[in-house]
Amino acid sequence: MKPYKNKINRIRSFALALIFIGFVVMYFGIFFKQHPIVMIIFMVLGLLCIIASTVVYFWIGMLSTKAVQVVCPNCGKETKMLGRVDMCGHCREPLTLDPELEGKEFDEAYNRKNHAQTEK
């Protein structure tokens, strides 16, 4: 079974990874002190990664405000849900608000628009 994660948490993890990638890229720039142009290129690339992380954090924050809040039937905690199917952010319980998907095996493909059309 594939380890699924809540969509909001997955995107936040990606944004956090961008920050660390940016720092590592900047750190590699230090090794090129003798070549200032190469060092500046690494520093700018690292800064772009950190700026991209800020944009992703802002985007997921705006998306999170539109997410549906549900109470997980397994752990009883509130979690936010994006799309037709999602996982609980606390206990990874599969969640859906679509009555047609009740009892079916969890599949992230249910969130794609073309998947809904091919099912019918």
PDB file of N, CA and C in Angstrom:
ATOM      1  N   MET A   1       0.834  -1.179   0.000  1.00  0.00           N
ATOM      2  CA  MET A   1       0.000   0.000   0.000  1.00  0.00           C
ATOM      3  C   MET A   1       0.882   1.247   0.000  1.00  0.00           C
ATOM      4  N   LYS A   2       0.510   2.195  -0.815  1.00  0.00           N
ATOM      5  CA  LYS A   2       1.253   3.435  -0.933  1.00  0.00           C
ATOM      6  C   LYS A   2       1.030   4.312   0.295  1.00  0.00           C
ATOM      7  N   PRO A   3       2.088   4.950   0.831  1.00  0.00           N
ATOM      8  CA  PRO A   3       1.879   5.833   1.981  1.00  0.00           C
ATOM      9  C   PRO A   3       1.296   7.172   1.529  1.00  0.00           C
ATOM     10  N   TYR A   4       0.017   7.376   1.751  1.00  0.00           N
ATOM     11  CA  TYR A   4      -0.639   8.613   1.358  1.00  0.00           C
ATOM     12  C   TYR A   4      -0.499   9.631   2.474  1.00  0.00           C
ATOM     13  N   LYS A   5      -0.519  10.895   2.074  1.00  0.00           N
ATOM     14  CA  LYS A   5      -0.497  11.989   3.042  1.00  0.00           C
ATOM     15  C   LYS A   5      -1.604  12.959   2.689  1.00  0.00           C
ATOM     16  N   ASN A   6      -1.998  13.722   3.661  1.00  0.00           N
ATOM     17  CA  ASN A   6      -2.951  14.796   3.463  1.00  0.00           C
ATOM     18  C   ASN A   6      -2.373  15.781   2.455  1.00  0.00           C
ATOM     19  N   LYS A   7      -3.198  16.255   1.516  1.00  0.00           N
ATOM     20  CA  LYS A   7      -2.704  17.124   0.442  1.00  0.00           C
ATOM     21  C   LYS A   7      -2.080  18.406   0.975  1.00  0.00           C
ATOM     22  N   ILE A   8      -2.717  19.015   1.966  1.00  0.00           N
ATOM     23  CA  ILE A   8      -2.195  20.265   2.516  1.00  0.00           C
ATOM     24  C   ILE A   8      -0.828  20.021   3.151  1.00  0.00           C
ATOM     25  N   ASN A   9      -0.682  18.958   3.921  1.00  0.00           N
ATOM     26  CA  ASN A   9       0.600  18.643   4.553  1.00  0.00           C
ATOM     27  C   ASN A   9       1.679  18.323   3.517  1.00  0.00           C
ATOM     28  N   ARG A  10       1.278  17.645   2.426  1.00  0.00           N
ATOM     29  CA  ARG A  10       2.242  17.302   1.378  1.00  0.00           C
ATOM     30  C   ARG A  10       2.800  18.571   0.712  1.00  0.00           C
ATOM     31  N   ILE A  11       1.924  19.528   0.445  1.00  0.00           N
ATOM     32  CA  ILE A  11       2.367  20.768  -0.202  1.00  0.00           C
ATOM     33  C   ILE A  11       3.216  21.591   0.753  1.00  0.00           C
ATOM     34  N   ARG A  12       2.855  21.610   2.033  1.00  0.00           N
ATOM     35  CA  ARG A  12       3.679  22.328   3.020  1.00  0.00           C
ATOM     36  C   ARG A  12       5.055  21.680   3.156  1.00  0.00           C
ATOM     37  N   SER A  13       5.116  20.358   3.094  1.00  0.00           N
ATOM     38  CA  SER A  13       6.411  19.667   3.152  1.00  0.00           C
ATOM     39  C   SER A  13       7.268  20.021   1.945  1.00  0.00           C
ATOM     40  N   PHE A  14       6.640  20.139   0.776  1.00  0.00           N
ATOM     41  CA  PHE A  14       7.361  20.543  -0.430  1.00  0.00           C
ATOM     42  C   PHE A  14       7.940  21.953  -0.264  1.00  0.00           C
ATOM     43  N   ALA A  15       7.156  22.872   0.308  1.00  0.00           N
ATOM     44  CA  ALA A  15       7.626  24.241   0.518  1.00  0.00           C
ATOM     45  C   ALA A  15       8.791  24.269   1.504  1.00  0.00           C
ATOM     46  N   LEU A  16       8.715  23.462   2.536  1.00  0.00           N
ATOM     47  CA  LEU A  16       9.816  23.390   3.501  1.00  0.00           C
ATOM     48  C   LEU A  16      11.070  22.825   2.840  1.00  0.00           C
ATOM     49  N   ALA A  17      10.895  21.822   1.983  1.00  0.00           N
ATOM     50  CA  ALA A  17      12.036  21.258   1.264  1.00  0.00           C
ATOM     51  C   ALA A  17      12.682  22.303   0.358  1.00  0.00           C
ATOM     52  N   LEU A  18      11.880  23.169  -0.247  1.00  0.00           N
ATOM     53  CA  LEU A  18      12.430  24.233  -1.093  1.00  0.00           C
ATOM     54  C   LEU A  18      13.335  25.165  -0.300  1.00  0.00           C
ATOM     55  N   ILE A  19      12.972  25.441   0.943  1.00  0.00           N
ATOM     56  CA  ILE A  19      13.822  26.296   1.781  1.00  0.00           C
ATOM     57  C   ILE A  19      15.174  25.636   1.997  1.00  0.00           C
ATOM     58  N   PHE A  20      15.167  24.361   2.379  1.00  0.00           N
ATOM     59  CA  PHE A  20      16.435  23.663   2.627  1.00  0.00           C
ATOM     60  C   PHE A  20      17.255  23.522   1.343  1.00  0.00           C
ATOM     61  N   ILE A  21      16.592  23.258   0.232  1.00  0.00           N
ATOM     62  CA  ILE A  21      17.304  23.178  -1.053  1.00  0.00           C
ATOM     63  C   ILE A  21      17.963  24.513  -1.357  1.00  0.00           C
ATOM     64  N   GLY A  22      17.236  25.609  -1.102  1.00  0.00           N
ATOM     65  CA  GLY A  22      17.792  26.939  -1.331  1.00  0.00           C
ATOM     66  C   GLY A  22      19.035  27.185  -0.498  1.00  0.00           C
ATOM     67  N   PHE A  23      19.008  26.786   0.779  1.00  0.00           N
ATOM     68  CA  PHE A  23      20.181  26.971   1.642  1.00  0.00           C
ATOM     69  C   PHE A  23      21.362  26.133   1.162  1.00  0.00           C
ATOM     70  N   VAL A  24      21.092  24.904   0.745  1.00  0.00           N
ATOM     71  CA  VAL A  24      22.167  24.027   0.269  1.00  0.00           C
ATOM     72  C   VAL A  24      22.789  24.594  -1.010  1.00  0.00           C
ATOM     73  N   VAL A  25      21.949  25.082  -1.918  1.00  0.00           N
ATOM     74  CA  VAL A  25      22.462  25.664  -3.165  1.00  0.00           C
ATOM     75  C   VAL A  25      23.321  26.888  -2.847  1.00  0.00           C
ATOM     76  N   MET A  26      22.863  27.720  -1.911  1.00  0.00           N
ATOM     77  CA  MET A  26      23.669  28.887  -1.513  1.00  0.00           C
ATOM     78  C   MET A  26      24.989  28.456  -0.885  1.00  0.00           C
ATOM     79  N   TYR A  27      24.929  27.397  -0.086  1.00  0.00           N
ATOM     80  CA  TYR A  27      26.148  26.905   0.563  1.00  0.00           C
ATOM     81  C   TYR A  27      27.167  26.441  -0.474  1.00  0.00           C
ATOM     82  N   PHE A  28      26.710  25.814  -1.566  1.00  0.00           N
ATOM     83  CA  PHE A  28      27.631  25.398  -2.622  1.00  0.00           C
ATOM     84  C   PHE A  28      28.308  26.609  -3.258  1.00  0.00           C
ATOM     85  N   GLY A  29      27.645  27.734  -3.244  1.00  0.00           N
ATOM     86  CA  GLY A  29      28.248  28.951  -3.781  1.00  0.00           C
ATOM     87  C   GLY A  29      29.498  29.374  -3.029  1.00  0.00           C
ATOM     88  N   ILE A  30      29.602  29.023  -1.770  1.00  0.00           N
ATOM     89  CA  ILE A  30      30.773  29.376  -0.957  1.00  0.00           C
ATOM     90  C   ILE A  30      32.035  28.710  -1.511  1.00  0.00           C
ATOM     91  N   PHE A  31      31.873  27.524  -2.102  1.00  0.00           N
ATOM     92  CA  PHE A  31      33.034  26.803  -2.626  1.00  0.00           C
ATOM     93  C   PHE A  31      33.639  27.477  -3.854  1.00  0.00           C
ATOM     94  N   PHE A  32      32.963  28.473  -4.399  1.00  0.00           N
ATOM     95  CA  PHE A  32      33.443  29.152  -5.602  1.00  0.00           C
ATOM     96  C   PHE A  32      33.822  30.594  -5.313  1.00  0.00           C
ATOM     97  N   LYS A  33      34.506  30.825  -4.182  1.00  0.00           N
ATOM     98  CA  LYS A  33      34.923  32.181  -3.820  1.00  0.00           C
ATOM     99  C   LYS A  33      35.889  32.772  -4.848  1.00  0.00           C
ATOM    100  N   GLN A  34      36.667  31.912  -5.486  1.00  0.00           N
ATOM    101  CA  GLN A  34      37.633  32.401  -6.472  1.00  0.00           C
ATOM    102  C   GLN A  34      36.942  32.858  -7.752  1.00  0.00           C
ATOM    103  N   HIS A  35      35.727  32.391  -7.988  1.00  0.00           N
ATOM    104  CA  HIS A  35      34.969  32.742  -9.193  1.00  0.00           C
ATOM    105  C   HIS A  35      33.678  33.454  -8.764  1.00  0.00           C
ATOM    106  N   PRO A  36      33.741  34.775  -8.632  1.00  0.00           N
ATOM    107  CA  PRO A  36      32.587  35.504  -8.091  1.00  0.00           C
ATOM    108  C   PRO A  36      31.306  35.339  -8.918  1.00  0.00           C
ATOM    109  N   ILE A  37      31.417  35.215 -10.226  1.00  0.00           N
ATOM    110  CA  ILE A  37      30.215  35.074 -11.065  1.00  0.00           C
ATOM    111  C   ILE A  37      29.497  33.775 -10.741  1.00  0.00           C
ATOM    112  N   VAL A  38      30.248  32.669 -10.618  1.00  0.00           N
ATOM    113  CA  VAL A  38      29.654  31.372 -10.306  1.00  0.00           C
ATOM    114  C   VAL A  38      29.041  31.415  -8.903  1.00  0.00           C
ATOM    115  N   MET A  39      29.744  32.058  -7.969  1.00  0.00           N
ATOM    116  CA  MET A  39      29.227  32.166  -6.609  1.00  0.00           C
ATOM    117  C   MET A  39      27.910  32.952  -6.594  1.00  0.00           C
ATOM    118  N   ILE A  40      27.854  34.033  -7.335  1.00  0.00           N
ATOM    119  CA  ILE A  40      26.632  34.842  -7.398  1.00  0.00           C
ATOM    120  C   ILE A  40      25.490  34.037  -8.024  1.00  0.00           C
ATOM    121  N   ILE A  41      25.802  33.228  -9.032  1.00  0.00           N
ATOM    122  CA  ILE A  41      24.769  32.402  -9.670  1.00  0.00           C
ATOM    123  C   ILE A  41      24.167  31.432  -8.648  1.00  0.00           C
ATOM    124  N   PHE A  42      25.019  30.771  -7.855  1.00  0.00           N
ATOM    125  CA  PHE A  42      24.526  29.857  -6.829  1.00  0.00           C
ATOM    126  C   PHE A  42      23.691  30.597  -5.784  1.00  0.00           C
ATOM    127  N   MET A  43      24.146  31.775  -5.376  1.00  0.00           N
ATOM    128  CA  MET A  43      23.408  32.556  -4.379  1.00  0.00           C
ATOM    129  C   MET A  43      22.038  32.968  -4.909  1.00  0.00           C
ATOM    130  N   VAL A  44      21.978  33.377  -6.158  1.00  0.00           N
ATOM    131  CA  VAL A  44      20.703  33.796  -6.748  1.00  0.00           C
ATOM    132  C   VAL A  44      19.772  32.590  -6.917  1.00  0.00           C
ATOM    133  N   LEU A  45      20.315  31.449  -7.340  1.00  0.00           N
ATOM    134  CA  LEU A  45      19.483  30.244  -7.466  1.00  0.00           C
ATOM    135  C   LEU A  45      18.912  29.825  -6.103  1.00  0.00           C
ATOM    136  N   GLY A  46      19.728  29.903  -5.071  1.00  0.00           N
ATOM    137  CA  GLY A  46      19.250  29.587  -3.725  1.00  0.00           C
ATOM    138  C   GLY A  46      18.174  30.557  -3.265  1.00  0.00           C
ATOM    139  N   LEU A  47      18.371  31.825  -3.561  1.00  0.00           N
ATOM    140  CA  LEU A  47      17.370  32.828  -3.205  1.00  0.00           C
ATOM    141  C   LEU A  47      16.060  32.588  -3.962  1.00  0.00           C
ATOM    142  N   LEU A  48      16.161  32.187  -5.229  1.00  0.00           N
ATOM    143  CA  LEU A  48      14.953  31.882  -6.004  1.00  0.00           C
ATOM    144  C   LEU A  48      14.194  30.697  -5.410  1.00  0.00           C
ATOM    145  N   CYS A  49      14.919  29.702  -4.905  1.00  0.00           N
ATOM    146  CA  CYS A  49      14.258  28.567  -4.248  1.00  0.00           C
ATOM    147  C   CYS A  49      13.513  29.030  -2.997  1.00  0.00           C
ATOM    148  N   ILE A  50      14.123  29.922  -2.236  1.00  0.00           N
ATOM    149  CA  ILE A  50      13.476  30.411  -1.016  1.00  0.00           C
ATOM    150  C   ILE A  50      12.274  31.283  -1.362  1.00  0.00           C
ATOM    151  N   ILE A  51      12.371  32.081  -2.419  1.00  0.00           N
ATOM    152  CA  ILE A  51      11.232  32.886  -2.859  1.00  0.00           C
ATOM    153  C   ILE A  51      10.115  31.974  -3.361  1.00  0.00           C
ATOM    154  N   ALA A  52      10.467  30.916  -4.090  1.00  0.00           N
ATOM    155  CA  ALA A  52       9.461  29.955  -4.557  1.00  0.00           C
ATOM    156  C   ALA A  52       8.763  29.300  -3.367  1.00  0.00           C
ATOM    157  N   SER A  53       9.508  29.016  -2.315  1.00  0.00           N
ATOM    158  CA  SER A  53       8.916  28.445  -1.115  1.00  0.00           C
ATOM    159  C   SER A  53       7.901  29.402  -0.501  1.00  0.00           C
ATOM    160  N   THR A  54       8.232  30.680  -0.473  1.00  0.00           N
ATOM    161  CA  THR A  54       7.305  31.678   0.061  1.00  0.00           C
ATOM    162  C   THR A  54       6.020  31.717  -0.759  1.00  0.00           C
ATOM    163  N   VAL A  55       6.162  31.645  -2.076  1.00  0.00           N
ATOM    164  CA  VAL A  55       4.988  31.646  -2.953  1.00  0.00           C
ATOM    165  C   VAL A  55       4.136  30.404  -2.710  1.00  0.00           C
ATOM    166  N   VAL A  56       4.773  29.249  -2.558  1.00  0.00           N
ATOM    167  CA  VAL A  56       4.028  28.003  -2.315  1.00  0.00           C
ATOM    168  C   VAL A  56       3.312  28.066  -0.966  1.00  0.00           C
ATOM    169  N   TYR A  57       3.987  28.583   0.075  1.00  0.00           N
ATOM    170  CA  TYR A  57       3.346  28.726   1.377  1.00  0.00           C
ATOM    171  C   TYR A  57       2.137  29.663   1.293  1.00  0.00           C
ATOM    172  N   PHE A  58       2.264  30.763   0.560  1.00  0.00           N
ATOM    173  CA  PHE A  58       1.154  31.691   0.399  1.00  0.00           C
ATOM    174  C   PHE A  58       0.000  31.014  -0.344  1.00  0.00           C
ATOM    175  N   TRP A  59       0.329  30.290  -1.419  1.00  0.00           N
ATOM    176  CA  TRP A  59      -0.690  29.606  -2.214  1.00  0.00           C
ATOM    177  C   TRP A  59      -1.450  28.571  -1.388  1.00  0.00           C
ATOM    178  N   ILE A  60      -0.740  27.739  -0.631  1.00  0.00           N
ATOM    179  CA  ILE A  60      -1.414  26.713   0.157  1.00  0.00           C
ATOM    180  C   ILE A  60      -2.184  27.345   1.307  1.00  0.00           C
ATOM    181  N   GLY A  61      -1.737  28.484   1.792  1.00  0.00           N
ATOM    182  CA  GLY A  61      -2.501  29.191   2.816  1.00  0.00           C
ATOM    183  C   GLY A  61      -3.831  29.675   2.274  1.00  0.00           C
ATOM    184  N   MET A  62      -3.813  30.214   1.070  1.00  0.00           N
ATOM    185  CA  MET A  62      -5.064  30.659   0.447  1.00  0.00           C
ATOM    186  C   MET A  62      -5.963  29.473   0.114  1.00  0.00           C
ATOM    187  N   LEU A  63      -5.361  28.385  -0.349  1.00  0.00           N
ATOM    188  CA  LEU A  63      -6.128  27.180  -0.670  1.00  0.00           C
ATOM    189  C   LEU A  63      -6.716  26.565   0.603  1.00  0.00           C
ATOM    190  N   SER A  64      -5.979  26.660   1.688  1.00  0.00           N
ATOM    191  CA  SER A  64      -6.417  26.095   2.952  1.00  0.00           C
ATOM    192  C   SER A  64      -7.650  26.813   3.503  1.00  0.00           C
ATOM    193  N   THR A  65      -7.787  28.090   3.182  1.00  0.00           N
ATOM    194  CA  THR A  65      -8.961  28.814   3.677  1.00  0.00           C
ATOM    195  C   THR A  65     -10.237  28.344   2.984  1.00  0.00           C
ATOM    196  N   LYS A  66     -10.104  27.776   1.783  1.00  0.00           N
ATOM    197  CA  LYS A  66     -11.260  27.284   1.037  1.00  0.00           C
ATOM    198  C   LYS A  66     -11.536  25.802   1.289  1.00  0.00           C
ATOM    199  N   ALA A  67     -10.656  25.143   2.011  1.00  0.00           N
ATOM    200  CA  ALA A  67     -10.808  23.708   2.257  1.00  0.00           C
ATOM    201  C   ALA A  67     -11.984  23.453   3.204  1.00  0.00           C
ATOM    202  N   VAL A  68     -12.612  22.298   3.040  1.00  0.00           N
ATOM    203  CA  VAL A  68     -13.742  21.899   3.873  1.00  0.00           C
ATOM    204  C   VAL A  68     -13.195  21.292   5.164  1.00  0.00           C
ATOM    205  N   GLN A  69     -13.683  21.783   6.299  1.00  0.00           N
ATOM    206  CA  GLN A  69     -13.274  21.205   7.577  1.00  0.00           C
ATOM    207  C   GLN A  69     -14.227  20.070   7.929  1.00  0.00           C
ATOM    208  N   VAL A  70     -13.654  18.919   8.240  1.00  0.00           N
ATOM    209  CA  VAL A  70     -14.449  17.752   8.633  1.00  0.00           C
ATOM    210  C   VAL A  70     -13.877  17.165   9.914  1.00  0.00           C
ATOM    211  N   VAL A  71     -14.693  16.419  10.614  1.00  0.00           N
ATOM    212  CA  VAL A  71     -14.239  15.697  11.796  1.00  0.00           C
ATOM    213  C   VAL A  71     -13.961  14.272  11.373  1.00  0.00           C
ATOM    214  N   CYS A  72     -12.760  13.822  11.624  1.00  0.00           N
ATOM    215  CA  CYS A  72     -12.363  12.462  11.243  1.00  0.00           C
ATOM    216  C   CYS A  72     -13.142  11.449  12.069  1.00  0.00           C
ATOM    217  N   PRO A  73     -13.761  10.454  11.416  1.00  0.00           N
ATOM    218  CA  PRO A  73     -14.511   9.445  12.179  1.00  0.00           C
ATOM    219  C   PRO A  73     -13.603   8.507  12.968  1.00  0.00           C
ATOM    220  N   ASN A  74     -12.331   8.436  12.616  1.00  0.00           N
ATOM    221  CA  ASN A  74     -11.405   7.523  13.289  1.00  0.00           C
ATOM    222  C   ASN A  74     -10.821   8.140  14.557  1.00  0.00           C
ATOM    223  N   CYS A  75     -10.230   9.356  14.432  1.00  0.00           N
ATOM    224  CA  CYS A  75      -9.552   9.964  15.589  1.00  0.00           C
ATOM    225  C   CYS A  75     -10.381  11.062  16.252  1.00  0.00           C
ATOM    226  N   GLY A  76     -11.429  11.551  15.591  1.00  0.00           N
ATOM    227  CA  GLY A  76     -12.293  12.561  16.179  1.00  0.00           C
ATOM    228  C   GLY A  76     -11.757  13.978  16.118  1.00  0.00           C
ATOM    229  N   LYS A  77     -10.631  14.190  15.435  1.00  0.00           N
ATOM    230  CA  LYS A  77     -10.046  15.528  15.330  1.00  0.00           C
ATOM    231  C   LYS A  77     -10.505  16.203  14.043  1.00  0.00           C
ATOM    232  N   GLU A  78     -10.529  17.549  14.084  1.00  0.00           N
ATOM    233  CA  GLU A  78     -10.879  18.294  12.873  1.00  0.00           C
ATOM    234  C   GLU A  78      -9.701  18.295  11.918  1.00  0.00           C
ATOM    235  N   THR A  79     -10.002  18.146  10.640  1.00  0.00           N
ATOM    236  CA  THR A  79      -8.977  18.197   9.609  1.00  0.00           C
ATOM    237  C   THR A  79      -9.568  18.874   8.386  1.00  0.00           C
ATOM    238  N   LYS A  80      -8.697  19.396   7.527  1.00  0.00           N
ATOM    239  CA  LYS A  80      -9.156  20.051   6.309  1.00  0.00           C
ATOM    240  C   LYS A  80      -9.028  19.082   5.147  1.00  0.00           C
ATOM    241  N   MET A  81     -10.007  19.168   4.254  1.00  0.00           N
ATOM    242  CA  MET A  81     -10.076  18.224   3.149  1.00  0.00           C
ATOM    243  C   MET A  81     -10.119  18.972   1.832  1.00  0.00           C
ATOM    244  N   LEU A  82      -9.255  18.592   0.899  1.00  0.00           N
ATOM    245  CA  LEU A  82      -9.244  19.158  -0.443  1.00  0.00           C
ATOM    246  C   LEU A  82      -9.658  18.084  -1.434  1.00  0.00           C
ATOM    247  N   GLY A  83     -10.570  18.392  -2.325  1.00  0.00           N
ATOM    248  CA  GLY A  83     -10.980  17.452  -3.363  1.00  0.00           C
ATOM    249  C   GLY A  83     -12.058  16.489  -2.895  1.00  0.00           C
ATOM    250  N   ARG A  84     -12.325  15.483  -3.739  1.00  0.00           N
ATOM    251  CA  ARG A  84     -13.341  14.482  -3.421  1.00  0.00           C
ATOM    252  C   ARG A  84     -12.868  13.494  -2.365  1.00  0.00           C
ATOM    253  N   VAL A  85     -11.585  13.148  -2.395  1.00  0.00           N
ATOM    254  CA  VAL A  85     -11.007  12.240  -1.403  1.00  0.00           C
ATOM    255  C   VAL A  85      -9.729  12.868  -0.851  1.00  0.00           C
ATOM    256  N   ASP A  86      -9.466  12.605   0.410  1.00  0.00           N
ATOM    257  CA  ASP A  86      -8.255  13.102   1.056  1.00  0.00           C
ATOM    258  C   ASP A  86      -7.993  12.227   2.279  1.00  0.00           C
ATOM    259  N   MET A  87      -6.864  12.421   2.904  1.00  0.00           N
ATOM    260  CA  MET A  87      -6.518  11.685   4.109  1.00  0.00           C
ATOM    261  C   MET A  87      -6.637  12.611   5.304  1.00  0.00           C
ATOM    262  N   CYS A  88      -6.922  12.037   6.458  1.00  0.00           N
ATOM    263  CA  CYS A  88      -6.925  12.802   7.698  1.00  0.00           C
ATOM    264  C   CYS A  88      -5.496  13.278   7.952  1.00  0.00           C
ATOM    265  N   GLY A  89      -5.344  14.530   8.337  1.00  0.00           N
ATOM    266  CA  GLY A  89      -4.009  15.072   8.592  1.00  0.00           C
ATOM    267  C   GLY A  89      -3.380  14.542   9.863  1.00  0.00           C
ATOM    268  N   HIS A  90      -4.167  13.849  10.707  1.00  0.00           N
ATOM    269  CA  HIS A  90      -3.656  13.359  11.983  1.00  0.00           C
ATOM    270  C   HIS A  90      -3.406  11.851  11.977  1.00  0.00           C
ATOM    271  N   CYS A  91      -4.396  11.078  11.478  1.00  0.00           N
ATOM    272  CA  CYS A  91      -4.276   9.618  11.570  1.00  0.00           C
ATOM    273  C   CYS A  91      -4.242   8.926  10.207  1.00  0.00           C
ATOM    274  N   ARG A  92      -4.287   9.693   9.130  1.00  0.00           N
ATOM    275  CA  ARG A  92      -4.245   9.178   7.758  1.00  0.00           C
ATOM    276  C   ARG A  92      -5.423   8.263   7.398  1.00  0.00           C
ATOM    277  N   GLU A  93      -6.551   8.542   7.968  1.00  0.00           N
ATOM    278  CA  GLU A  93      -7.787   7.825   7.622  1.00  0.00           C
ATOM    279  C   GLU A  93      -8.289   8.360   6.278  1.00  0.00           C
ATOM    280  N   PRO A  94      -8.640   7.498   5.321  1.00  0.00           N
ATOM    281  CA  PRO A  94      -9.211   7.988   4.064  1.00  0.00           C
ATOM    282  C   PRO A  94     -10.555   8.677   4.322  1.00  0.00           C
ATOM    283  N   LEU A  95     -10.735   9.849   3.727  1.00  0.00           N
ATOM    284  CA  LEU A  95     -11.958  10.619   3.904  1.00  0.00           C
ATOM    285  C   LEU A  95     -12.568  10.952   2.553  1.00  0.00           C
ATOM    286  N   THR A  96     -13.892  11.018   2.504  1.00  0.00           N
ATOM    287  CA  THR A  96     -14.592  11.459   1.312  1.00  0.00           C
ATOM    288  C   THR A  96     -15.910  12.096   1.724  1.00  0.00           C
ATOM    289  N   LEU A  97     -16.360  13.060   0.943  1.00  0.00           N
ATOM    290  CA  LEU A  97     -17.675  13.657   1.140  1.00  0.00           C
ATOM    291  C   LEU A  97     -18.644  13.197   0.058  1.00  0.00           C
ATOM    292  N   ASP A  98     -18.130  12.420  -0.906  1.00  0.00           N
ATOM    293  CA  ASP A  98     -18.929  11.948  -2.029  1.00  0.00           C
ATOM    294  C   ASP A  98     -19.578  10.615  -1.666  1.00  0.00           C
ATOM    295  N   PRO A  99     -20.923  10.565  -1.617  1.00  0.00           N
ATOM    296  CA  PRO A  99     -21.584   9.307  -1.246  1.00  0.00           C
ATOM    297  C   PRO A  99     -21.313   8.162  -2.216  1.00  0.00           C
ATOM    298  N   GLU A 100     -20.987   8.472  -3.479  1.00  0.00           N
ATOM    299  CA  GLU A 100     -20.694   7.416  -4.460  1.00  0.00           C
ATOM    300  C   GLU A 100     -19.386   6.692  -4.157  1.00  0.00           C
ATOM    301  N   LEU A 101     -18.495   7.339  -3.410  1.00  0.00           N
ATOM    302  CA  LEU A 101     -17.184   6.743  -3.127  1.00  0.00           C
ATOM    303  C   LEU A 101     -17.125   6.046  -1.772  1.00  0.00           C
ATOM    304  N   GLU A 102     -18.202   6.097  -1.018  1.00  0.00           N
ATOM    305  CA  GLU A 102     -18.240   5.448   0.293  1.00  0.00           C
ATOM    306  C   GLU A 102     -17.958   3.953   0.140  1.00  0.00           C
ATOM    307  N   GLY A 103     -17.027   3.443   0.917  1.00  0.00           N
ATOM    308  CA  GLY A 103     -16.722   2.021   0.916  1.00  0.00           C
ATOM    309  C   GLY A 103     -15.768   1.573  -0.174  1.00  0.00           C
ATOM    310  N   LYS A 104     -15.445   2.463  -1.131  1.00  0.00           N
ATOM    311  CA  LYS A 104     -14.501   2.090  -2.186  1.00  0.00           C
ATOM    312  C   LYS A 104     -13.073   2.236  -1.676  1.00  0.00           C
ATOM    313  N   GLU A 105     -12.166   1.534  -2.343  1.00  0.00           N
ATOM    314  CA  GLU A 105     -10.736   1.627  -2.027  1.00  0.00           C
ATOM    315  C   GLU A 105     -10.247   3.044  -2.283  1.00  0.00           C
ATOM    316  N   PHE A 106      -9.426   3.592  -1.369  1.00  0.00           N
ATOM    317  CA  PHE A 106      -8.915   4.951  -1.514  1.00  0.00           C
ATOM    318  C   PHE A 106      -8.001   5.043  -2.729  1.00  0.00           C
ATOM    319  N   ASP A 107      -8.255   6.043  -3.560  1.00  0.00           N
ATOM    320  CA  ASP A 107      -7.427   6.288  -4.734  1.00  0.00           C
ATOM    321  C   ASP A 107      -7.434   7.790  -5.004  1.00  0.00           C
ATOM    322  N   GLU A 108      -6.247   8.377  -5.072  1.00  0.00           N
ATOM    323  CA  GLU A 108      -6.155   9.816  -5.321  1.00  0.00           C
ATOM    324  C   GLU A 108      -6.649  10.195  -6.712  1.00  0.00           C
ATOM    325  N   ALA A 109      -6.778   9.220  -7.593  1.00  0.00           N
ATOM    326  CA  ALA A 109      -7.255   9.498  -8.953  1.00  0.00           C
ATOM    327  C   ALA A 109      -8.697   9.989  -8.954  1.00  0.00           C
ATOM    328  N   TYR A 110      -9.441   9.749  -7.878  1.00  0.00           N
ATOM    329  CA  TYR A 110     -10.820  10.233  -7.810  1.00  0.00           C
ATOM    330  C   TYR A 110     -10.890  11.760  -7.837  1.00  0.00           C
ATOM    331  N   ASN A 111      -9.793  12.435  -7.521  1.00  0.00           N
ATOM    332  CA  ASN A 111      -9.777  13.899  -7.523  1.00  0.00           C
ATOM    333  C   ASN A 111      -9.587  14.483  -8.919  1.00  0.00           C
ATOM    334  N   ARG A 112      -9.168  13.672  -9.876  1.00  0.00           N
ATOM    335  CA  ARG A 112      -8.955  14.174 -11.238  1.00  0.00           C
ATOM    336  C   ARG A 112     -10.282  14.271 -11.970  1.00  0.00           C
ATOM    337  N   LYS A 113     -10.429  15.326 -12.756  1.00  0.00           N
ATOM    338  CA  LYS A 113     -11.682  15.544 -13.466  1.00  0.00           C
ATOM    339  C   LYS A 113     -11.918  14.465 -14.526  1.00  0.00           C
ATOM    340  N   ASN A 114     -10.869  14.053 -15.222  1.00  0.00           N
ATOM    341  CA  ASN A 114     -11.062  13.038 -16.275  1.00  0.00           C
ATOM    342  C   ASN A 114     -11.416  11.675 -15.683  1.00  0.00           C
ATOM    343  N   HIS A 115     -11.040  11.411 -14.438  1.00  0.00           N
ATOM    344  CA  HIS A 115     -11.385  10.141 -13.797  1.00  0.00           C
ATOM    345  C   HIS A 115     -12.889  10.095 -13.527  1.00  0.00           C
ATOM    346  N   ALA A 116     -13.481  11.214 -13.142  1.00  0.00           N
ATOM    347  CA  ALA A 116     -14.915  11.261 -12.858  1.00  0.00           C
ATOM    348  C   ALA A 116     -15.719  11.039 -14.143  1.00  0.00           C
ATOM    349  N   GLN A 117     -15.202  11.506 -15.272  1.00  0.00           N
ATOM    350  CA  GLN A 117     -15.910  11.343 -16.538  1.00  0.00           C
ATOM    351  C   GLN A 117     -15.811   9.918 -17.070  1.00  0.00           C
ATOM    352  N   THR A 118     -14.666   9.262 -16.871  1.00  0.00           N
ATOM    353  CA  THR A 118     -14.493   7.902 -17.374  1.00  0.00           C
ATOM    354  C   THR A 118     -15.278   6.889 -16.552  1.00  0.00           C
ATOM    355  N   GLU A 119     -15.584   7.224 -15.297  1.00  0.00           N
ATOM    356  CA  GLU A 119     -16.331   6.326 -14.428  1.00  0.00           C
ATOM    357  C   GLU A 119     -17.770   6.172 -14.900  1.00  0.00           C
ATOM    358  N   LYS A 120     -18.343   7.227 -15.462  1.00  0.00           N
ATOM    359  CA  LYS A 120     -19.765   7.225 -15.831  1.00  0.00           C
ATOM    360  C   LYS A 120     -20.058   6.551 -17.102  1.00  0.00           C
TER     361      LYS A 120
END
